[in-house]
Amino acid sequence: MSDSDDWRHKLDPERYRILREAGTEPPFSGEYHACKTPGTYHCAACGAPLFSSRHKYDSGSGWPSYWQPLSADALKEVTDHSHGMTRTEVRCAR
C-alpha cells in the first residue's frame, strides 16, 4: 500500500484534500474557526500536539490563528505565492 493510499484510509475525503493535497477550507467555515474550548489543538492527521487554546486569537482572516506553537519544532512554514499574494502557511512538521 502506498503512503497516499494509507492516508486515504485514515482521513475522510475533505481532510485528505486539505492535509495531503494542500487544499484549504473557505474562510469562516472550519469547525475550529470560532471554537473557544480550552485545551490543546492536535494535527488531524497524526495527532501531534500543535497549539494551545491560550495562544489562539482572532486575526480576522477566517481561519484559526495562533501566536505561538506548543513547541518550535512542531511546525514547518511553507511560503504560498498563489492568488497574487505571498502568504505563509503553517503545517505540522511530521
N, C-alpha and C. Protein backbone atom coordinates (compact mmCIF):
# COMPACT_ATOMS: atom_id res chain seq x y z
N MET A 1 0.85 -1.18 0.00
CA MET A 1 0.00 0.00 0.00
C MET A 1 0.90 1.24 0.00
N SER A 2 0.58 2.19 -0.85
CA SER A 2 1.38 3.42 -0.91
C SER A 2 1.03 4.33 0.26
N ASP A 3 1.91 5.29 0.52
CA ASP A 3 1.67 6.28 1.57
C ASP A 3 0.36 7.01 1.31
N SER A 4 0.11 7.35 0.04
CA SER A 4 -1.12 8.05 -0.33
C SER A 4 -2.35 7.20 -0.02
N ASP A 5 -2.30 5.91 -0.35
CA ASP A 5 -3.42 5.01 -0.06
C ASP A 5 -3.65 4.90 1.44
N ASP A 6 -2.56 4.82 2.20
CA ASP A 6 -2.66 4.73 3.65
C ASP A 6 -3.38 5.95 4.22
N TRP A 7 -3.00 7.15 3.77
CA TRP A 7 -3.65 8.37 4.24
C TRP A 7 -5.11 8.42 3.81
N ARG A 8 -5.43 7.96 2.61
CA ARG A 8 -6.83 7.95 2.15
C ARG A 8 -7.71 7.08 3.04
N HIS A 9 -7.15 6.02 3.60
CA HIS A 9 -7.91 5.15 4.50
C HIS A 9 -8.06 5.77 5.89
N LYS A 10 -7.11 6.59 6.31
CA LYS A 10 -7.13 7.19 7.64
C LYS A 10 -7.97 8.46 7.71
N LEU A 11 -8.05 9.20 6.61
CA LEU A 11 -8.69 10.51 6.61
C LEU A 11 -9.96 10.51 5.77
N ASP A 12 -10.96 11.31 6.16
CA ASP A 12 -12.12 11.47 5.30
C ASP A 12 -11.70 12.30 4.08
N PRO A 13 -12.49 12.30 3.00
CA PRO A 13 -12.07 12.97 1.77
C PRO A 13 -11.73 14.46 1.94
N GLU A 14 -12.47 15.18 2.75
CA GLU A 14 -12.20 16.61 2.94
C GLU A 14 -10.87 16.82 3.67
N ARG A 15 -10.64 16.07 4.71
CA ARG A 15 -9.36 16.20 5.43
C ARG A 15 -8.19 15.76 4.55
N TYR A 16 -8.39 14.73 3.74
CA TYR A 16 -7.32 14.31 2.83
C TYR A 16 -6.97 15.45 1.88
N ARG A 17 -7.98 16.08 1.30
CA ARG A 17 -7.76 17.19 0.36
C ARG A 17 -6.99 18.32 1.03
N ILE A 18 -7.36 18.66 2.24
CA ILE A 18 -6.72 19.77 2.95
C ILE A 18 -5.32 19.39 3.43
N LEU A 19 -5.19 18.24 4.07
CA LEU A 19 -3.93 17.87 4.71
C LEU A 19 -2.90 17.28 3.77
N ARG A 20 -3.31 16.58 2.74
CA ARG A 20 -2.36 15.88 1.87
C ARG A 20 -2.23 16.51 0.49
N GLU A 21 -3.22 17.34 0.09
CA GLU A 21 -3.18 17.96 -1.24
C GLU A 21 -3.10 19.47 -1.17
N ALA A 22 -2.74 20.00 0.00
CA ALA A 22 -2.57 21.45 0.21
C ALA A 22 -3.83 22.24 -0.11
N GLY A 23 -4.99 21.65 0.17
CA GLY A 23 -6.25 22.36 -0.02
C GLY A 23 -6.49 23.31 1.15
N THR A 24 -7.61 24.00 1.10
CA THR A 24 -7.98 24.88 2.21
C THR A 24 -9.49 24.91 2.34
N GLU A 25 -9.95 25.21 3.53
CA GLU A 25 -11.38 25.41 3.77
C GLU A 25 -11.71 26.85 3.40
N PRO A 26 -12.95 27.11 2.99
CA PRO A 26 -13.33 28.51 2.80
C PRO A 26 -13.20 29.25 4.13
N PRO A 27 -12.83 30.54 4.10
CA PRO A 27 -12.70 31.29 5.35
C PRO A 27 -14.02 31.30 6.12
N PHE A 28 -13.92 31.34 7.44
CA PHE A 28 -15.05 31.40 8.37
C PHE A 28 -15.91 30.14 8.36
N SER A 29 -15.42 29.03 7.79
CA SER A 29 -16.25 27.83 7.68
C SER A 29 -15.75 26.64 8.50
N GLY A 30 -14.52 26.62 8.91
CA GLY A 30 -13.95 25.46 9.59
C GLY A 30 -14.50 25.28 11.00
N GLU A 31 -14.50 24.05 11.47
CA GLU A 31 -15.08 23.76 12.79
C GLU A 31 -14.31 24.42 13.93
N TYR A 32 -13.06 24.80 13.73
CA TYR A 32 -12.27 25.41 14.80
C TYR A 32 -12.12 26.92 14.67
N HIS A 33 -12.71 27.51 13.64
CA HIS A 33 -12.59 28.95 13.45
C HIS A 33 -13.07 29.73 14.67
N ALA A 34 -14.28 29.45 15.14
CA ALA A 34 -14.86 30.20 16.26
C ALA A 34 -14.81 29.41 17.57
N CYS A 35 -14.12 28.30 17.58
CA CYS A 35 -14.05 27.45 18.78
C CYS A 35 -13.33 28.16 19.91
N LYS A 36 -13.93 28.16 21.09
CA LYS A 36 -13.34 28.81 22.27
C LYS A 36 -13.06 27.79 23.38
N THR A 37 -13.20 26.51 23.08
CA THR A 37 -12.99 25.46 24.08
C THR A 37 -11.53 25.43 24.52
N PRO A 38 -11.27 25.48 25.83
CA PRO A 38 -9.89 25.41 26.30
C PRO A 38 -9.28 24.03 26.03
N GLY A 39 -7.99 24.03 25.73
CA GLY A 39 -7.31 22.76 25.52
C GLY A 39 -6.19 22.86 24.51
N THR A 40 -5.83 21.72 23.97
CA THR A 40 -4.73 21.62 23.02
C THR A 40 -5.28 21.20 21.66
N TYR A 41 -4.80 21.85 20.61
CA TYR A 41 -5.18 21.50 19.25
C TYR A 41 -4.10 20.59 18.67
N HIS A 42 -4.55 19.48 18.07
CA HIS A 42 -3.64 18.46 17.54
C HIS A 42 -3.78 18.38 16.02
N CYS A 43 -2.74 17.86 15.37
CA CYS A 43 -2.78 17.60 13.94
C CYS A 43 -3.89 16.59 13.66
N ALA A 44 -4.74 16.89 12.68
CA ALA A 44 -5.85 15.99 12.35
C ALA A 44 -5.38 14.71 11.68
N ALA A 45 -4.16 14.70 11.17
CA ALA A 45 -3.64 13.50 10.51
C ALA A 45 -2.89 12.59 11.47
N CYS A 46 -1.92 13.13 12.19
CA CYS A 46 -1.04 12.27 13.01
C CYS A 46 -1.27 12.40 14.51
N GLY A 47 -2.04 13.40 14.94
CA GLY A 47 -2.33 13.56 16.36
C GLY A 47 -1.30 14.34 17.15
N ALA A 48 -0.27 14.85 16.49
CA ALA A 48 0.77 15.61 17.20
C ALA A 48 0.18 16.87 17.83
N PRO A 49 0.52 17.20 19.07
CA PRO A 49 0.05 18.44 19.69
C PRO A 49 0.73 19.64 19.02
N LEU A 50 -0.08 20.64 18.62
CA LEU A 50 0.46 21.78 17.88
C LEU A 50 0.29 23.11 18.60
N PHE A 51 -0.92 23.38 19.10
CA PHE A 51 -1.22 24.69 19.68
C PHE A 51 -2.02 24.55 20.97
N SER A 52 -1.91 25.54 21.82
CA SER A 52 -2.76 25.66 23.00
C SER A 52 -3.84 26.69 22.70
N SER A 53 -5.03 26.47 23.23
CA SER A 53 -6.11 27.45 23.07
C SER A 53 -5.73 28.80 23.69
N ARG A 54 -4.80 28.80 24.64
CA ARG A 54 -4.35 30.06 25.25
C ARG A 54 -3.64 30.97 24.25
N HIS A 55 -3.14 30.39 23.16
CA HIS A 55 -2.38 31.15 22.17
C HIS A 55 -3.20 31.47 20.92
N LYS A 56 -4.50 31.23 20.96
CA LYS A 56 -5.37 31.48 19.82
C LYS A 56 -5.88 32.92 19.88
N TYR A 57 -5.99 33.54 18.70
CA TYR A 57 -6.54 34.90 18.63
C TYR A 57 -7.33 35.05 17.33
N ASP A 58 -8.15 36.07 17.25
CA ASP A 58 -8.95 36.34 16.06
C ASP A 58 -8.17 37.29 15.16
N SER A 59 -7.62 36.76 14.08
CA SER A 59 -6.83 37.58 13.15
C SER A 59 -7.71 38.26 12.12
N GLY A 60 -9.00 37.88 12.06
CA GLY A 60 -9.89 38.44 11.06
C GLY A 60 -9.78 37.75 9.71
N SER A 61 -8.91 36.73 9.62
CA SER A 61 -8.67 36.06 8.34
C SER A 61 -9.74 35.02 7.99
N GLY A 62 -10.46 34.55 9.00
CA GLY A 62 -11.44 33.49 8.77
C GLY A 62 -10.91 32.10 9.05
N TRP A 63 -9.64 32.00 9.43
CA TRP A 63 -9.03 30.72 9.80
C TRP A 63 -8.49 30.83 11.21
N PRO A 64 -8.43 29.73 11.93
CA PRO A 64 -7.85 29.78 13.28
C PRO A 64 -6.44 30.35 13.22
N SER A 65 -6.12 31.22 14.16
CA SER A 65 -4.79 31.85 14.21
C SER A 65 -4.24 31.72 15.62
N TYR A 66 -2.95 31.47 15.69
CA TYR A 66 -2.26 31.27 16.97
C TYR A 66 -0.98 32.09 16.94
N TRP A 67 -0.62 32.69 18.05
CA TRP A 67 0.60 33.50 18.08
C TRP A 67 1.81 32.72 18.53
N GLN A 68 1.60 31.45 18.93
CA GLN A 68 2.74 30.65 19.41
C GLN A 68 2.39 29.16 19.32
N PRO A 69 3.30 28.32 18.82
CA PRO A 69 3.07 26.87 18.84
C PRO A 69 3.42 26.30 20.21
N LEU A 70 3.02 25.07 20.46
CA LEU A 70 3.40 24.41 21.72
C LEU A 70 4.91 24.20 21.79
N SER A 71 5.53 23.90 20.65
CA SER A 71 6.99 23.79 20.60
C SER A 71 7.47 24.25 19.23
N ALA A 72 8.66 24.80 19.18
CA ALA A 72 9.20 25.35 17.94
C ALA A 72 9.36 24.30 16.85
N ASP A 73 9.62 23.06 17.22
CA ASP A 73 9.84 22.03 16.21
C ASP A 73 8.56 21.29 15.81
N ALA A 74 7.40 21.71 16.32
CA ALA A 74 6.13 21.06 15.99
C ALA A 74 5.62 21.46 14.61
N LEU A 75 6.08 22.60 14.10
CA LEU A 75 5.54 23.16 12.86
C LEU A 75 6.62 23.40 11.82
N LYS A 76 6.16 23.48 10.56
CA LYS A 76 7.02 23.95 9.49
C LYS A 76 6.24 25.02 8.73
N GLU A 77 6.96 25.97 8.16
CA GLU A 77 6.33 27.05 7.40
C GLU A 77 6.54 26.80 5.91
N VAL A 78 5.48 27.06 5.14
CA VAL A 78 5.52 26.90 3.69
C VAL A 78 5.06 28.22 3.09
N THR A 79 5.88 28.81 2.22
CA THR A 79 5.51 30.06 1.56
C THR A 79 4.60 29.76 0.38
N ASP A 80 3.50 30.48 0.31
CA ASP A 80 2.49 30.29 -0.73
C ASP A 80 2.41 31.58 -1.54
N HIS A 81 2.68 31.49 -2.85
CA HIS A 81 2.64 32.66 -3.73
C HIS A 81 1.40 32.66 -4.63
N SER A 82 0.40 31.87 -4.31
CA SER A 82 -0.79 31.79 -5.15
C SER A 82 -1.70 33.00 -4.96
N HIS A 83 -2.60 33.18 -5.87
CA HIS A 83 -3.63 34.22 -5.82
C HIS A 83 -3.06 35.64 -5.79
N GLY A 84 -1.88 35.83 -6.38
CA GLY A 84 -1.30 37.16 -6.50
C GLY A 84 -0.79 37.76 -5.20
N MET A 85 -0.51 36.93 -4.21
CA MET A 85 0.00 37.44 -2.94
C MET A 85 0.95 36.42 -2.33
N THR A 86 1.70 36.85 -1.34
CA THR A 86 2.60 35.95 -0.62
C THR A 86 2.05 35.74 0.78
N ARG A 87 1.88 34.47 1.13
CA ARG A 87 1.36 34.11 2.45
C ARG A 87 2.23 33.01 3.04
N THR A 88 2.18 32.87 4.33
CA THR A 88 2.91 31.79 4.99
C THR A 88 1.91 30.82 5.59
N GLU A 89 1.98 29.59 5.14
CA GLU A 89 1.13 28.54 5.66
C GLU A 89 1.92 27.77 6.71
N VAL A 90 1.27 27.44 7.80
CA VAL A 90 1.91 26.68 8.88
C VAL A 90 1.34 25.27 8.85
N ARG A 91 2.24 24.28 8.82
CA ARG A 91 1.83 22.88 8.77
C ARG A 91 2.49 22.09 9.88
N CYS A 92 1.90 20.96 10.20
CA CYS A 92 2.52 20.03 11.14
C CYS A 92 3.86 19.60 10.57
N ALA A 93 4.88 19.56 11.39
CA ALA A 93 6.22 19.19 10.93
C ALA A 93 6.34 17.71 10.59
N ARG A 94 5.44 16.89 11.10
CA ARG A 94 5.51 15.46 10.79
C ARG A 94 5.03 15.26 9.40
